Protein backbone atom coordinates (compact mmCIF):
# COMPACT_ATOMS: atom_id res chain seq x y z
CA MET A 1 -13.60 -13.40 -1.03
CA LYS A 2 -9.96 -12.47 -0.46
CA ILE A 3 -8.04 -10.72 2.25
CA ILE A 4 -4.63 -9.55 1.13
CA ARG A 5 -1.98 -8.28 3.54
CA SER A 6 -0.12 -6.06 1.09
CA GLN A 7 2.65 -5.20 3.55
CA SER A 8 3.83 -8.83 3.59
CA PHE A 9 3.62 -9.46 -0.16
CA THR A 10 6.92 -10.14 -1.92
CA ALA A 11 7.83 -11.51 -5.32
CA ASP A 12 10.80 -13.44 -6.68
CA ARG A 13 11.58 -10.67 -9.17
CA ALA A 14 11.07 -6.95 -9.61
CA TRP A 15 7.52 -6.11 -10.69
CA GLY A 16 6.28 -9.56 -9.74
CA ALA A 17 2.54 -9.40 -9.23
CA LEU A 18 -0.36 -10.95 -7.38
CA ASP A 19 -3.55 -10.92 -9.44
CA ILE A 20 -6.34 -9.68 -7.21
CA ALA A 21 -9.29 -9.29 -9.57
CA SER A 22 -10.34 -9.08 -13.19
CA MET A 23 -13.65 -7.30 -13.69
CA ASN A 24 -15.07 -6.53 -17.12
CA GLY A 25 -11.61 -6.39 -18.73
CA ILE A 26 -10.02 -4.34 -15.94
CA THR A 27 -7.34 -5.96 -13.79
CA THR A 28 -6.27 -5.12 -10.27
CA ARG A 29 -2.80 -6.34 -9.37
CA LEU A 30 -0.48 -5.92 -6.41
CA HIS A 31 3.15 -5.44 -7.48
CA TRP A 32 6.35 -5.74 -5.47
CA THR A 33 9.50 -4.11 -6.79
CA ASP A 34 12.88 -2.70 -5.90
CA GLN A 35 13.83 -1.78 -9.49
CA PRO A 36 12.57 0.75 -12.05
CA TYR A 37 10.09 -0.41 -14.68
CA LYS A 38 10.50 0.70 -18.32
CA TRP A 39 9.19 3.69 -20.21
CA HIS A 40 5.81 2.72 -21.60
CA VAL A 41 2.38 3.84 -22.73
CA ASN A 42 -0.54 1.70 -21.60
CA ASP A 43 -3.26 0.49 -23.95
CA GLY A 44 -5.80 2.35 -21.80
CA GLU A 45 -5.98 4.29 -18.57
CA GLU A 46 -4.00 3.26 -15.49
CA VAL A 47 -4.43 3.95 -11.78
CA PHE A 48 -1.21 3.49 -9.79
CA VAL A 49 -1.46 3.52 -5.95
CA VAL A 50 1.58 3.40 -3.66
CA LEU A 51 0.80 1.10 -0.74
CA ASP A 52 4.31 0.84 0.72
CA GLY A 53 7.55 2.72 0.05
CA GLN A 54 8.23 5.68 -2.21
CA VAL A 55 8.17 5.89 -5.98
CA GLN A 56 9.45 8.60 -8.25
CA MET A 57 7.07 8.63 -11.20
CA ARG A 58 8.60 10.08 -14.34
CA TYR A 59 6.39 11.05 -17.24
CA ARG A 60 6.54 13.00 -20.45
CA LYS A 61 4.26 15.93 -21.08
CA ALA A 62 4.49 17.94 -24.30
CA GLY A 63 7.82 16.24 -25.03
CA GLN A 64 9.39 17.22 -21.72
CA GLU A 65 10.31 14.78 -18.96
CA LYS A 66 8.83 15.57 -15.55
CA ALA A 67 8.92 13.74 -12.22
CA VAL A 68 6.82 13.58 -9.09
CA MET A 69 7.57 11.76 -5.82
CA LEU A 70 4.77 9.46 -4.66
CA ALA A 71 4.48 8.36 -1.03
CA VAL A 72 2.20 5.85 0.69
CA GLY A 73 -1.40 6.62 -0.20
CA ASP A 74 -0.56 8.71 -3.27
CA ILE A 75 -2.25 7.91 -6.57
CA PHE A 76 -0.94 8.50 -10.09
CA TYR A 77 -3.50 8.46 -12.89
CA ALA A 78 -2.12 7.89 -16.39
CA SER A 79 -4.61 8.88 -19.06
CA VAL A 80 -4.51 7.25 -22.48
CA GLY A 81 -1.22 8.14 -24.19
CA THR A 82 0.69 9.15 -21.03
CA GLU A 83 4.28 7.90 -21.36
CA HIS A 84 5.64 7.08 -17.91
CA VAL A 85 8.06 5.01 -15.84
CA ALA A 86 8.11 4.21 -12.11
CA HIS A 87 11.37 4.37 -10.15
CA PRO A 88 11.00 3.01 -6.61
CA LEU A 89 13.32 4.25 -3.90
CA GLY A 90 14.10 0.92 -2.26
CA VAL A 91 11.28 -1.60 -1.93
CA ALA A 92 7.76 -0.59 -2.92
CA ARG A 93 4.36 -2.24 -3.12
CA ILE A 94 2.00 -0.81 -5.68
CA LEU A 95 -1.62 -1.46 -6.58
CA VAL A 96 -2.18 -1.11 -10.34
CA ILE A 97 -5.61 -0.99 -11.96
CA GLU A 98 -5.57 -1.12 -15.76
CA SER A 99 -6.98 -2.77 -18.87
CA GLU A 100 -6.35 -6.51 -18.98
CA GLY A 101 -3.17 -7.33 -20.94
CA SER A 102 -1.82 -3.79 -20.74
CA VAL A 103 1.96 -3.30 -20.60
């Protein structure tokens, strides 16, 4: 059993993570960041939940870059092959559920 107070979680670097669970090859991790990630495509599907802060999620669809602003409680689902990058506005805490070992 674990109780995690996500609002107080910090890391010593951008995108530092706390491993919460690994179930049947799927990981759940809490990330802290104040910097953008990198453009990437995950090995599988990804669920990205903003727990604190705001994140501009940029993604490419049919070769065109698009962006959506995510606030607390918003969820971004990246299907297989979705190229995307998260740009936090200040500090953000994000719950990420994805295949173990994914980028």
